Amino acid sequence: MRLQAALAAGVIALTLFSCKRSMPTNVAAEVNSRAITYEELDKQYKLQFPNQPQEQSEDQAAIQKLEVLRSLVDNQIMVQRAEKLSLVATDSDVEARFNEIKAPYTQEEFQKQLNARKITAEEFKAQLRRDLSIQKLFNKEITSKISITDKDVADFYNSNKASFNLAEPQVHLAQVLVTPTPDANVRNLKSDKAQNEEQARQKIQMIEARIKQGEDFASVAQAYSEDPNTAANGGDLGFIPESSLAQAHVELRKMVMSLPPGQVSPVIRTPEGYRILKVVSKEPAGQRELNDPRVQQTIRETLLNRKDQLLRAVYYEISRNEAKVLNYYAQAQFEKASSGKK
């Protein structure tokens, strides 16, 4: 299924080639005539999939590169939209975010982090500028246009009143899950599914790196999580009673109980696969009334997150439809398979 999903992304671009088109040197794809080079693709591929096993086949590597290239194409589409709307992050925006990320480390420790990712400080700042620009785009085009009324909040509360009557302390959790086994039921924005233990380990490391860099947890979960029940909702697991946690995997339970609200766990290996958890909030036992500010905030955040995730998915699709994308790497892989070349 992963092969089909990856090739499907390439086929979209291949339909643009109604006649055989010569491929420019060192260009993996073009987005509205702006090139994404093989150098960029290879660098991002090595960043997202480090420590590849020696026995990995060329087909497996090609599938992963198609996934990485699809992400680069999407980012380029969004960056161009941000440029058009004059929403590109400023130097001061980038420096502030860079210093915020760098703050917990010594200079030596931070340099080791960059070296491990095989990236320079300037390249990291370029990534931050892209990510901040895209976030500004989403804030203007999506989040700022979402309105949650008092009636919306009241309707949600009345429809879910029982869920606000807590018989015991509960923890509001969100998760990103990556499993090492194939599953045709997995649905996420990137159509991304690990097929074995090594792929699962590499994928969760990539996800952890994105979250540590400050990417929105819900957006990462929607894009990459392999839990079919929560990925579409940004990984939201809802409120979990503490008694239910007693039945959970011991490391998971300890981690949840130790984390304060708003914090994200390191990678946790459980029997189902790899997890990263976020503690959204912790609530004591008892009935929560609608006039409780915590209830209103929870409901507003829930409704806002639902609409935001839906509109982001829609915005990506509309933006792809309006962009002219030429995926030369996909074309090359298709022609290679058609000719029977090894």
C-alpha atoms as a PDB file:
ATOM      1  CA  MET A   1       0.000   0.000   0.000  1.00  0.00           C
ATOM      2  CA  ARG A   2       2.895   2.341   0.716  1.00  0.00           C
ATOM      3  CA  LEU A   3       4.238   1.765  -2.782  1.00  0.00           C
ATOM      4  CA  GLN A   4       0.817   2.493  -4.265  1.00  0.00           C
ATOM      5  CA  ALA A   5       0.439   5.668  -2.219  1.00  0.00           C
ATOM      6  CA  ALA A   6       3.888   6.920  -3.132  1.00  0.00           C
ATOM      7  CA  LEU A   7       3.469   6.185  -6.813  1.00  0.00           C
ATOM      8  CA  ALA A   8       0.017   7.783  -6.763  1.00  0.00           C
ATOM      9  CA  ALA A   9       1.615  11.058  -5.691  1.00  0.00           C
ATOM     10  CA  GLY A  10       3.968  10.790  -8.644  1.00  0.00           C
ATOM     11  CA  VAL A  11       1.241   9.857 -11.099  1.00  0.00           C
ATOM     12  CA  ILE A  12      -0.524  13.145 -10.394  1.00  0.00           C
ATOM     13  CA  ALA A  13       2.525  14.937 -11.685  1.00  0.00           C
ATOM     14  CA  LEU A  14       3.063  12.511 -14.537  1.00  0.00           C
ATOM     15  CA  THR A  15      -0.327  13.320 -16.009  1.00  0.00           C
ATOM     16  CA  LEU A  16       1.096  16.724 -16.821  1.00  0.00           C
ATOM     17  CA  PHE A  17       3.457  15.094 -19.285  1.00  0.00           C
ATOM     18  CA  SER A  18       1.068  14.576 -22.207  1.00  0.00           C
ATOM     19  CA  CYS A  19       4.067  14.107 -24.423  1.00  0.00           C
ATOM     20  CA  LYS A  20       7.561  12.976 -23.577  1.00  0.00           C
ATOM     21  CA  ARG A  21       9.409  15.885 -22.028  1.00  0.00           C
ATOM     22  CA  SER A  22      13.174  16.155 -21.704  1.00  0.00           C
ATOM     23  CA  MET A  23      14.228  16.421 -18.085  1.00  0.00           C
ATOM     24  CA  PRO A  24      16.520  19.281 -17.038  1.00  0.00           C
ATOM     25  CA  THR A  25      19.816  18.369 -15.436  1.00  0.00           C
ATOM     26  CA  ASN A  26      19.811  18.058 -11.646  1.00  0.00           C
ATOM     27  CA  VAL A  27      16.161  19.105 -11.296  1.00  0.00           C
ATOM     28  CA  ALA A  28      13.932  16.665  -9.410  1.00  0.00           C
ATOM     29  CA  ALA A  29      10.774  18.760  -9.775  1.00  0.00           C
ATOM     30  CA  GLU A  30       9.480  22.191 -10.696  1.00  0.00           C
ATOM     31  CA  VAL A  31       6.762  24.142  -8.927  1.00  0.00           C
ATOM     32  CA  ASN A  32       5.499  26.996 -11.089  1.00  0.00           C
ATOM     33  CA  SER A  33       8.876  26.912 -12.893  1.00  0.00           C
ATOM     34  CA  ARG A  34      10.861  27.080  -9.649  1.00  0.00           C
ATOM     35  CA  ALA A  35      13.280  24.142  -9.392  1.00  0.00           C
ATOM     36  CA  ILE A  36      13.726  21.641  -6.599  1.00  0.00           C
ATOM     37  CA  THR A  37      17.143  20.137  -7.231  1.00  0.00           C
ATOM     38  CA  TYR A  38      18.317  16.601  -6.665  1.00  0.00           C
ATOM     39  CA  GLU A  39      20.815  18.068  -4.207  1.00  0.00           C
ATOM     40  CA  GLU A  40      17.921  19.416  -2.121  1.00  0.00           C
ATOM     41  CA  LEU A  41      16.043  16.131  -2.435  1.00  0.00           C
ATOM     42  CA  ASP A  42      19.041  14.027  -1.416  1.00  0.00           C
ATOM     43  CA  LYS A  43      19.834  16.252   1.540  1.00  0.00           C
ATOM     44  CA  GLN A  44      16.267  16.160   2.838  1.00  0.00           C
ATOM     45  CA  TYR A  45      16.092  12.424   2.211  1.00  0.00           C
ATOM     46  CA  LYS A  46      19.193  11.775   4.301  1.00  0.00           C
ATOM     47  CA  LEU A  47      17.823  14.073   6.999  1.00  0.00           C
ATOM     48  CA  GLN A  48      14.478  12.305   7.225  1.00  0.00           C
ATOM     49  CA  PHE A  49      15.783   8.771   6.677  1.00  0.00           C
ATOM     50  CA  PRO A  50      19.221   8.534   8.327  1.00  0.00           C
ATOM     51  CA  ASN A  51      21.023   5.237   8.914  1.00  0.00           C
ATOM     52  CA  GLN A  52      19.477   3.356   6.014  1.00  0.00           C
ATOM     53  CA  PRO A  53      19.967  -0.424   6.222  1.00  0.00           C
ATOM     54  CA  GLN A  54      22.533  -1.853   3.814  1.00  0.00           C
ATOM     55  CA  GLU A  55      20.031  -4.365   2.454  1.00  0.00           C
ATOM     56  CA  GLN A  56      17.542  -1.678   1.444  1.00  0.00           C
ATOM     57  CA  SER A  57      16.484  -2.079  -2.189  1.00  0.00           C
ATOM     58  CA  GLU A  58      16.501   0.649  -4.823  1.00  0.00           C
ATOM     59  CA  ASP A  59      12.700   0.448  -4.956  1.00  0.00           C
ATOM     60  CA  GLN A  60      12.403   1.105  -1.224  1.00  0.00           C
ATOM     61  CA  ALA A  61      14.705   4.109  -1.495  1.00  0.00           C
ATOM     62  CA  ALA A  62      12.727   5.418  -4.484  1.00  0.00           C
ATOM     63  CA  ILE A  63       9.457   5.143  -2.550  1.00  0.00           C
ATOM     64  CA  GLN A  64      10.913   7.146   0.316  1.00  0.00           C
ATOM     65  CA  LYS A  65      12.339   9.761  -2.033  1.00  0.00           C
ATOM     66  CA  LEU A  66       8.949  10.187  -3.702  1.00  0.00           C
ATOM     67  CA  GLU A  67       7.458  10.857  -0.269  1.00  0.00           C
ATOM     68  CA  VAL A  68      10.169  13.375   0.596  1.00  0.00           C
ATOM     69  CA  LEU A  69       9.806  15.095  -2.775  1.00  0.00           C
ATOM     70  CA  ARG A  70       6.040  15.362  -2.320  1.00  0.00           C
ATOM     71  CA  SER A  71       6.683  17.172   0.972  1.00  0.00           C
ATOM     72  CA  LEU A  72       9.222  19.491  -0.687  1.00  0.00           C
ATOM     73  CA  VAL A  73       6.735  20.258  -3.450  1.00  0.00           C
ATOM     74  CA  ASP A  74       3.998  21.052  -0.924  1.00  0.00           C
ATOM     75  CA  ASN A  75       6.354  23.315   1.016  1.00  0.00           C
ATOM     76  CA  GLN A  76       7.369  25.127  -2.145  1.00  0.00           C
ATOM     77  CA  ILE A  77       3.742  25.673  -3.115  1.00  0.00           C
ATOM     78  CA  MET A  78       3.028  27.185   0.292  1.00  0.00           C
ATOM     79  CA  VAL A  79       6.172  29.326   0.320  1.00  0.00           C
ATOM     80  CA  GLN A  80       5.230  30.785  -3.066  1.00  0.00           C
ATOM     81  CA  ARG A  81       1.762  31.597  -1.723  1.00  0.00           C
ATOM     82  CA  ALA A  82       3.338  33.277   1.296  1.00  0.00           C
ATOM     83  CA  GLU A  83       5.571  35.321  -0.997  1.00  0.00           C
ATOM     84  CA  LYS A  84       2.602  36.395  -3.091  1.00  0.00           C
ATOM     85  CA  LEU A  85       0.787  37.618   0.022  1.00  0.00           C
ATOM     86  CA  SER A  86       3.921  39.300   1.485  1.00  0.00           C
ATOM     87  CA  LEU A  87       3.922  36.916   4.435  1.00  0.00           C
ATOM     88  CA  VAL A  88       7.547  35.779   4.306  1.00  0.00           C
ATOM     89  CA  ALA A  89       9.120  35.661   7.762  1.00  0.00           C
ATOM     90  CA  THR A  90      11.482  38.561   8.505  1.00  0.00           C
ATOM     91  CA  ASP A  91      15.093  38.265   9.643  1.00  0.00           C
ATOM     92  CA  SER A  92      14.017  39.224  13.170  1.00  0.00           C
ATOM     93  CA  ASP A  93      11.345  36.481  13.140  1.00  0.00           C
ATOM     94  CA  VAL A  94      13.942  33.912  12.132  1.00  0.00           C
ATOM     95  CA  GLU A  95      16.558  35.078  14.650  1.00  0.00           C
ATOM     96  CA  ALA A  96      14.022  35.062  17.484  1.00  0.00           C
ATOM     97  CA  ARG A  97      12.926  31.513  16.696  1.00  0.00           C
ATOM     98  CA  PHE A  98      16.516  30.374  16.176  1.00  0.00           C
ATOM     99  CA  ASN A  99      17.567  31.732  19.573  1.00  0.00           C
ATOM    100  CA  GLU A 100      14.510  30.190  21.221  1.00  0.00           C
ATOM    101  CA  ILE A 101      15.421  26.728  19.904  1.00  0.00           C
ATOM    102  CA  LYS A 102      19.092  27.229  20.736  1.00  0.00           C
ATOM    103  CA  ALA A 103      18.480  28.484  24.292  1.00  0.00           C
ATOM    104  CA  PRO A 104      18.369  25.112  26.159  1.00  0.00           C
ATOM    105  CA  TYR A 105      21.794  24.099  24.770  1.00  0.00           C
ATOM    106  CA  THR A 106      25.355  25.253  25.166  1.00  0.00           C
ATOM    107  CA  GLN A 107      27.039  26.405  21.962  1.00  0.00           C
ATOM    108  CA  GLU A 108      28.896  23.092  21.763  1.00  0.00           C
ATOM    109  CA  GLU A 109      25.751  21.041  22.361  1.00  0.00           C
ATOM    110  CA  PHE A 110      23.808  22.975  19.759  1.00  0.00           C
ATOM    111  CA  GLN A 111      26.591  22.562  17.209  1.00  0.00           C
ATOM    112  CA  LYS A 112      26.526  18.817  17.864  1.00  0.00           C
ATOM    113  CA  GLN A 113      22.800  18.857  17.135  1.00  0.00           C
ATOM    114  CA  LEU A 114      23.443  20.578  13.806  1.00  0.00           C
ATOM    115  CA  ASN A 115      26.318  18.244  12.968  1.00  0.00           C
ATOM    116  CA  ALA A 116      24.183  15.196  13.703  1.00  0.00           C
ATOM    117  CA  ARG A 117      21.626  16.457  11.195  1.00  0.00           C
ATOM    118  CA  LYS A 118      24.398  17.396   8.751  1.00  0.00           C
ATOM    119  CA  ILE A 119      23.130  20.925   8.452  1.00  0.00           C
ATOM    120  CA  THR A 120      24.709  24.338   8.960  1.00  0.00           C
ATOM    121  CA  ALA A 121      23.285  27.125  11.090  1.00  0.00           C
ATOM    122  CA  GLU A 122      22.457  29.115   7.958  1.00  0.00           C
ATOM    123  CA  GLU A 123      20.677  26.146   6.392  1.00  0.00           C
ATOM    124  CA  PHE A 124      18.731  25.658   9.603  1.00  0.00           C
ATOM    125  CA  LYS A 125      17.720  29.325   9.537  1.00  0.00           C
ATOM    126  CA  ALA A 126      16.556  28.901   5.947  1.00  0.00           C
ATOM    127  CA  GLN A 127      14.322  26.029   7.084  1.00  0.00           C
ATOM    128  CA  LEU A 128      13.001  28.181   9.919  1.00  0.00           C
ATOM    129  CA  ARG A 129      12.192  30.993   7.489  1.00  0.00           C
ATOM    130  CA  ARG A 130      10.237  28.564   5.316  1.00  0.00           C
ATOM    131  CA  ASP A 131       8.347  27.050   8.257  1.00  0.00           C
ATOM    132  CA  LEU A 132       7.568  30.422   9.833  1.00  0.00           C
ATOM    133  CA  SER A 133       6.402  31.789   6.493  1.00  0.00           C
ATOM    134  CA  ILE A 134       4.069  28.849   5.982  1.00  0.00           C
ATOM    135  CA  GLN A 135       2.730  29.272   9.508  1.00  0.00           C
ATOM    136  CA  LYS A 136       2.046  32.958   8.838  1.00  0.00           C
ATOM    137  CA  LEU A 137       0.244  31.926   5.661  1.00  0.00           C
ATOM    138  CA  PHE A 138      -1.924  29.432   7.546  1.00  0.00           C
ATOM    139  CA  ASN A 139      -2.670  31.974  10.273  1.00  0.00           C
ATOM    140  CA  LYS A 140      -3.892  34.509   7.718  1.00  0.00           C
ATOM    141  CA  GLU A 141      -5.616  32.227   5.230  1.00  0.00           C
ATOM    142  CA  ILE A 142      -7.084  29.676   7.646  1.00  0.00           C
ATOM    143  CA  THR A 143      -6.902  30.261  11.408  1.00  0.00           C
ATOM    144  CA  SER A 144      -7.888  33.938  11.306  1.00  0.00           C
ATOM    145  CA  LYS A 145     -11.032  33.053   9.354  1.00  0.00           C
ATOM    146  CA  ILE A 146     -12.287  30.440  11.829  1.00  0.00           C
ATOM    147  CA  SER A 147     -14.989  31.714  14.149  1.00  0.00           C
ATOM    148  CA  ILE A 148     -16.184  29.720  17.167  1.00  0.00           C
ATOM    149  CA  THR A 149     -19.366  31.275  18.570  1.00  0.00           C
ATOM    150  CA  ASP A 150     -20.812  30.969  22.059  1.00  0.00           C
ATOM    151  CA  LYS A 151     -23.617  28.919  20.514  1.00  0.00           C
ATOM    152  CA  ASP A 152     -21.065  26.517  19.009  1.00  0.00           C
ATOM    153  CA  VAL A 153     -19.540  26.064  22.470  1.00  0.00           C
ATOM    154  CA  ALA A 154     -22.930  25.585  24.168  1.00  0.00           C
ATOM    155  CA  ASP A 155     -24.113  23.116  21.530  1.00  0.00           C
ATOM    156  CA  PHE A 156     -20.944  21.057  21.903  1.00  0.00           C
ATOM    157  CA  TYR A 157     -21.247  21.077  25.697  1.00  0.00           C
ATOM    158  CA  ASN A 158     -24.907  20.008  25.663  1.00  0.00           C
ATOM    159  CA  SER A 159     -24.155  17.215  23.199  1.00  0.00           C
ATOM    160  CA  ASN A 160     -21.199  15.991  25.245  1.00  0.00           C
ATOM    161  CA  LYS A 161     -22.192  16.943  28.790  1.00  0.00           C
ATOM    162  CA  ALA A 162     -21.517  13.478  30.152  1.00  0.00           C
ATOM    163  CA  SER A 163     -17.906  13.710  29.059  1.00  0.00           C
ATOM    164  CA  PHE A 164     -17.439  16.727  31.344  1.00  0.00           C
ATOM    165  CA  ASN A 165     -18.606  14.774  34.398  1.00  0.00           C
ATOM    166  CA  LEU A 166     -15.364  13.197  35.518  1.00  0.00           C
ATOM    167  CA  ALA A 167     -15.824  10.294  37.921  1.00  0.00           C
ATOM    168  CA  GLU A 168     -12.088  10.298  38.536  1.00  0.00           C
ATOM    169  CA  PRO A 169      -9.050  12.384  37.553  1.00  0.00           C
ATOM    170  CA  GLN A 170      -8.433  12.314  33.819  1.00  0.00           C
ATOM    171  CA  VAL A 171      -5.652  13.227  31.439  1.00  0.00           C
ATOM    172  CA  HIS A 172      -6.308  14.801  28.032  1.00  0.00           C
ATOM    173  CA  LEU A 173      -3.809  13.236  25.634  1.00  0.00           C
ATOM    174  CA  ALA A 174      -2.740  13.435  22.015  1.00  0.00           C
ATOM    175  CA  GLN A 175      -0.370  11.060  20.277  1.00  0.00           C
ATOM    176  CA  VAL A 176       1.658  10.275  17.202  1.00  0.00           C
ATOM    177  CA  LEU A 177       1.847   6.535  16.546  1.00  0.00           C
ATOM    178  CA  VAL A 178       4.172   4.697  14.155  1.00  0.00           C
ATOM    179  CA  THR A 179       3.885   0.931  13.786  1.00  0.00           C
ATOM    180  CA  PRO A 180       6.329  -1.485  12.124  1.00  0.00           C
ATOM    181  CA  THR A 181       3.708  -3.548  10.260  1.00  0.00           C
ATOM    182  CA  PRO A 182       1.842  -2.821   6.988  1.00  0.00           C
ATOM    183  CA  ASP A 183      -1.746  -1.625   7.421  1.00  0.00           C
ATOM    184  CA  ALA A 184      -4.066  -0.692   4.555  1.00  0.00           C
ATOM    185  CA  ASN A 185      -6.350   1.225   6.944  1.00  0.00           C
ATOM    186  CA  VAL A 186      -3.789   3.905   7.752  1.00  0.00           C
ATOM    187  CA  ARG A 187      -4.835   7.327   6.498  1.00  0.00           C
ATOM    188  CA  ASN A 188      -2.797  10.485   7.000  1.00  0.00           C
ATOM    189  CA  LEU A 189      -2.154  13.584   4.908  1.00  0.00           C
ATOM    190  CA  LYS A 190       1.174  12.279   3.618  1.00  0.00           C
ATOM    191  CA  SER A 191      -0.145   8.744   2.901  1.00  0.00           C
ATOM    192  CA  ASP A 192       2.919   7.606   4.831  1.00  0.00           C
ATOM    193  CA  LYS A 193       3.189   4.152   6.441  1.00  0.00           C
ATOM    194  CA  ALA A 194       6.245   2.378   7.843  1.00  0.00           C
ATOM    195  CA  GLN A 195       6.507  -1.198   6.593  1.00  0.00           C
ATOM    196  CA  ASN A 196       9.025  -2.705   9.015  1.00  0.00           C
ATOM    197  CA  GLU A 197      10.889  -2.095  12.265  1.00  0.00           C
ATOM    198  CA  GLU A 198      13.728  -0.128  10.679  1.00  0.00           C
ATOM    199  CA  GLN A 199      11.396   2.163   8.737  1.00  0.00           C
ATOM    200  CA  ALA A 200       9.278   2.717  11.852  1.00  0.00           C
ATOM    201  CA  ARG A 201      12.326   3.652  13.929  1.00  0.00           C
ATOM    202  CA  GLN A 202      13.597   6.078  11.316  1.00  0.00           C
ATOM    203  CA  LYS A 203      10.181   7.628  10.831  1.00  0.00           C
ATOM    204  CA  ILE A 204       9.573   8.263  14.532  1.00  0.00           C
ATOM    205  CA  GLN A 205      13.028   9.858  14.799  1.00  0.00           C
ATOM    206  CA  MET A 206      12.122  12.197  11.943  1.00  0.00           C
ATOM    207  CA  ILE A 207       8.811  13.059  13.635  1.00  0.00           C
ATOM    208  CA  GLU A 208      10.501  13.681  16.982  1.00  0.00           C
ATOM    209  CA  ALA A 209      12.981  16.025  15.286  1.00  0.00           C
ATOM    210  CA  ARG A 210      10.153  18.009  13.669  1.00  0.00           C
ATOM    211  CA  ILE A 211       8.336  18.415  16.983  1.00  0.00           C
ATOM    212  CA  LYS A 212      11.531  19.453  18.777  1.00  0.00           C
ATOM    213  CA  GLN A 213      12.068  22.074  16.082  1.00  0.00           C
ATOM    214  CA  GLY A 214       8.741  23.610  17.077  1.00  0.00           C
ATOM    215  CA  GLU A 215       6.351  22.220  14.485  1.00  0.00           C
ATOM    216  CA  ASP A 216       2.746  22.051  15.647  1.00  0.00           C
ATOM    217  CA  PHE A 217       2.067  18.670  17.282  1.00  0.00           C
ATOM    218  CA  ALA A 218      -1.434  18.321  15.813  1.00  0.00           C
ATOM    219  CA  SER A 219      -0.216  19.140  12.293  1.00  0.00           C
ATOM    220  CA  VAL A 220       2.604  16.577  12.523  1.00  0.00           C
ATOM    221  CA  ALA A 221       0.165  13.952  13.825  1.00  0.00           C
ATOM    222  CA  GLN A 222      -2.281  14.651  11.013  1.00  0.00           C
ATOM    223  CA  ALA A 223       0.483  14.366   8.438  1.00  0.00           C
ATOM    224  CA  TYR A 224       2.324  11.271   9.724  1.00  0.00           C
ATOM    225  CA  SER A 225       0.538   9.424  12.551  1.00  0.00           C
ATOM    226  CA  GLU A 226      -0.444   5.848  11.720  1.00  0.00           C
ATOM    227  CA  ASP A 227      -3.373   5.621  14.138  1.00  0.00           C
ATOM    228  CA  PRO A 228      -6.419   5.582  11.809  1.00  0.00           C
ATOM    229  CA  ASN A 229      -8.715   6.652  14.662  1.00  0.00           C
ATOM    230  CA  THR A 230      -6.890   9.832  15.686  1.00  0.00           C
ATOM    231  CA  ALA A 231      -4.616  11.015  12.843  1.00  0.00           C
ATOM    232  CA  ALA A 232      -7.348  13.107  11.191  1.00  0.00           C
ATOM    233  CA  ASN A 233      -7.976  14.915  14.507  1.00  0.00           C
ATOM    234  CA  GLY A 234      -4.344  15.799  15.056  1.00  0.00           C
ATOM    235  CA  GLY A 235      -3.717  12.765  17.268  1.00  0.00           C
ATOM    236  CA  ASP A 236      -6.327  13.779  19.869  1.00  0.00           C
ATOM    237  CA  LEU A 237      -7.084  10.837  22.201  1.00  0.00           C
ATOM    238  CA  GLY A 238      -9.521  12.793  24.369  1.00  0.00           C
ATOM    239  CA  PHE A 239      -9.704  12.416  28.147  1.00  0.00           C
ATOM    240  CA  ILE A 240      -8.271   9.206  29.594  1.00  0.00           C
ATOM    241  CA  PRO A 241      -9.246   8.175  33.164  1.00  0.00           C
ATOM    242  CA  GLU A 242      -6.280   7.552  35.437  1.00  0.00           C
ATOM    243  CA  SER A 243      -7.614   4.041  36.131  1.00  0.00           C
ATOM    244  CA  SER A 244      -7.316   3.267  32.414  1.00  0.00           C
ATOM    245  CA  LEU A 245      -3.699   4.362  32.475  1.00  0.00           C
ATOM    246  CA  ALA A 246      -3.067   1.656  35.079  1.00  0.00           C
ATOM    247  CA  GLN A 247      -3.702  -0.865  32.297  1.00  0.00           C
ATOM    248  CA  ALA A 248      -1.383   0.875  29.872  1.00  0.00           C
ATOM    249  CA  HIS A 249       2.211  -0.002  29.076  1.00  0.00           C
ATOM    250  CA  VAL A 250       4.311   0.724  32.172  1.00  0.00           C
ATOM    251  CA  GLU A 251       6.683   3.217  30.490  1.00  0.00           C
ATOM    252  CA  LEU A 252       3.776   4.999  28.865  1.00  0.00           C
ATOM    253  CA  ARG A 253       1.916   5.288  32.173  1.00  0.00           C
ATOM    254  CA  LYS A 254       4.962   6.615  34.018  1.00  0.00           C
ATOM    255  CA  MET A 255       5.617   9.141  31.294  1.00  0.00           C
ATOM    256  CA  VAL A 256       2.037  10.440  31.235  1.00  0.00           C
ATOM    257  CA  MET A 257       1.881  10.839  35.008  1.00  0.00           C
ATOM    258  CA  SER A 258       5.212  12.690  35.112  1.00  0.00           C
ATOM    259  CA  LEU A 259       4.577  15.153  32.283  1.00  0.00           C
ATOM    260  CA  PRO A 260       2.977  18.541  33.083  1.00  0.00           C
ATOM    261  CA  PRO A 261       0.222  19.908  30.808  1.00  0.00           C
ATOM    262  CA  GLY A 262       1.513  21.179  27.474  1.00  0.00           C
ATOM    263  CA  GLN A 263       4.611  18.977  27.465  1.00  0.00           C
ATOM    264  CA  VAL A 264       5.586  16.343  24.903  1.00  0.00           C
ATOM    265  CA  SER A 265       7.174  12.991  25.737  1.00  0.00           C
ATOM    266  CA  PRO A 266      10.269  11.482  24.158  1.00  0.00           C
ATOM    267  CA  VAL A 267       9.756   8.452  21.925  1.00  0.00           C
ATOM    268  CA  ILE A 268       8.152   5.567  23.823  1.00  0.00           C
ATOM    269  CA  ARG A 269       8.441   1.992  22.516  1.00  0.00           C
ATOM    270  CA  THR A 270       5.236   0.039  23.218  1.00  0.00           C
ATOM    271  CA  PRO A 271       4.051  -3.359  21.934  1.00  0.00           C
ATOM    272  CA  GLU A 272       2.020  -1.613  19.211  1.00  0.00           C
ATOM    273  CA  GLY A 273       4.904   0.505  17.967  1.00  0.00           C
ATOM    274  CA  TYR A 274       6.543   3.860  18.652  1.00  0.00           C
ATOM    275  CA  ARG A 275       4.598   6.659  20.319  1.00  0.00           C
ATOM    276  CA  ILE A 276       5.126  10.319  21.120  1.00  0.00           C
ATOM    277  CA  LEU A 277       2.551  11.702  23.566  1.00  0.00           C
ATOM    278  CA  LYS A 278       1.419  15.205  24.402  1.00  0.00           C
ATOM    279  CA  VAL A 279      -0.325  15.956  27.695  1.00  0.00           C
ATOM    280  CA  VAL A 280      -2.900  18.571  26.725  1.00  0.00           C
ATOM    281  CA  SER A 281      -4.363  18.963  30.236  1.00  0.00           C
ATOM    282  CA  LYS A 282      -5.008  17.154  33.521  1.00  0.00           C
ATOM    283  CA  GLU A 283      -8.429  17.363  35.119  1.00  0.00           C
ATOM    284  CA  PRO A 284      -9.578  16.443  38.674  1.00  0.00           C
ATOM    285  CA  ALA A 285     -12.788  14.448  39.284  1.00  0.00           C
ATOM    286  CA  GLY A 286     -16.257  16.101  39.248  1.00  0.00           C
ATOM    287  CA  GLN A 287     -18.832  17.696  36.943  1.00  0.00           C
ATOM    288  CA  ARG A 288     -17.586  20.576  34.825  1.00  0.00           C
ATOM    289  CA  GLU A 289     -20.204  23.223  34.087  1.00  0.00           C
ATOM    290  CA  LEU A 290     -20.424  25.260  30.916  1.00  0.00           C
ATOM    291  CA  ASN A 291     -19.517  28.462  32.774  1.00  0.00           C
ATOM    292  CA  ASP A 292     -16.202  26.915  33.868  1.00  0.00           C
ATOM    293  CA  PRO A 293     -13.488  28.806  31.936  1.00  0.00           C
ATOM    294  CA  ARG A 294     -11.531  25.561  31.556  1.00  0.00           C
ATOM    295  CA  VAL A 295     -14.530  23.891  29.908  1.00  0.00           C
ATOM    296  CA  GLN A 296     -15.032  26.767  27.507  1.00  0.00           C
ATOM    297  CA  GLN A 297     -11.344  26.862  26.648  1.00  0.00           C
ATOM    298  CA  THR A 298     -11.239  23.107  26.066  1.00  0.00           C
ATOM    299  CA  ILE A 299     -14.309  23.203  23.834  1.00  0.00           C
ATOM    300  CA  ARG A 300     -13.076  26.194  21.857  1.00  0.00           C
ATOM    301  CA  GLU A 301      -9.665  24.597  21.344  1.00  0.00           C
ATOM    302  CA  THR A 302     -11.308  21.329  20.276  1.00  0.00           C
ATOM    303  CA  LEU A 303     -13.619  23.019  17.769  1.00  0.00           C
ATOM    304  CA  LEU A 304     -10.870  25.315  16.523  1.00  0.00           C
ATOM    305  CA  ASN A 305      -8.482  22.392  16.051  1.00  0.00           C
ATOM    306  CA  ARG A 306     -11.090  20.383  14.143  1.00  0.00           C
ATOM    307  CA  LYS A 307     -11.862  23.211  11.755  1.00  0.00           C
ATOM    308  CA  ASP A 308      -8.217  24.194  11.426  1.00  0.00           C
ATOM    309  CA  GLN A 309      -7.130  20.647  10.528  1.00  0.00           C
ATOM    310  CA  LEU A 310      -9.966  20.262   8.024  1.00  0.00           C
ATOM    311  CA  LEU A 311      -9.268  23.584   6.346  1.00  0.00           C
ATOM    312  CA  ARG A 312      -5.530  22.918   6.173  1.00  0.00           C
ATOM    313  CA  ALA A 313      -6.189  19.648   4.360  1.00  0.00           C
ATOM    314  CA  VAL A 314      -8.566  21.441   1.993  1.00  0.00           C
ATOM    315  CA  TYR A 315      -6.115  24.316   1.500  1.00  0.00           C
ATOM    316  CA  TYR A 316      -3.340  21.900   0.517  1.00  0.00           C
ATOM    317  CA  GLU A 317      -5.574  20.220  -2.057  1.00  0.00           C
ATOM    318  CA  ILE A 318      -6.756  23.504  -3.568  1.00  0.00           C
ATOM    319  CA  SER A 319      -3.198  24.846  -3.675  1.00  0.00           C
ATOM    320  CA  ARG A 320      -1.937  21.716  -5.435  1.00  0.00           C
ATOM    321  CA  ASN A 321      -4.725  22.010  -7.986  1.00  0.00           C
ATOM    322  CA  GLU A 322      -3.752  25.596  -8.759  1.00  0.00           C
ATOM    323  CA  ALA A 323       0.003  24.963  -8.989  1.00  0.00           C
ATOM    324  CA  LYS A 324       1.883  23.724 -12.033  1.00  0.00           C
ATOM    325  CA  VAL A 325       3.980  20.835 -10.754  1.00  0.00           C
ATOM    326  CA  LEU A 326       6.398  18.889 -12.944  1.00  0.00           C
ATOM    327  CA  ASN A 327       7.788  15.879 -11.073  1.00  0.00           C
ATOM    328  CA  TYR A 328      10.819  14.822 -13.102  1.00  0.00           C
ATOM    329  CA  TYR A 329      11.943  12.272 -10.534  1.00  0.00           C
ATOM    330  CA  ALA A 330       8.575  10.510 -10.729  1.00  0.00           C
ATOM    331  CA  GLN A 331       8.778  10.618 -14.526  1.00  0.00           C
ATOM    332  CA  ALA A 332      12.264   9.102 -14.448  1.00  0.00           C
ATOM    333  CA  GLN A 333      11.129   6.295 -12.140  1.00  0.00           C
ATOM    334  CA  PHE A 334       8.123   5.566 -14.338  1.00  0.00           C
ATOM    335  CA  GLU A 335      10.197   5.465 -17.525  1.00  0.00           C
ATOM    336  CA  LYS A 336      12.791   3.281 -15.795  1.00  0.00           C
ATOM    337  CA  ALA A 337      10.123   0.785 -14.758  1.00  0.00           C
ATOM    338  CA  SER A 338       8.486   0.852 -18.192  1.00  0.00           C
ATOM    339  CA  SER A 339      11.776   0.147 -19.956  1.00  0.00           C
ATOM    340  CA  GLY A 340      12.648  -2.693 -17.605  1.00  0.00           C
ATOM    341  CA  LYS A 341      15.958  -1.107 -16.629  1.00  0.00           C
ATOM    342  CA  LYS A 342      17.567  -2.160 -13.391  1.00  0.00           C
END
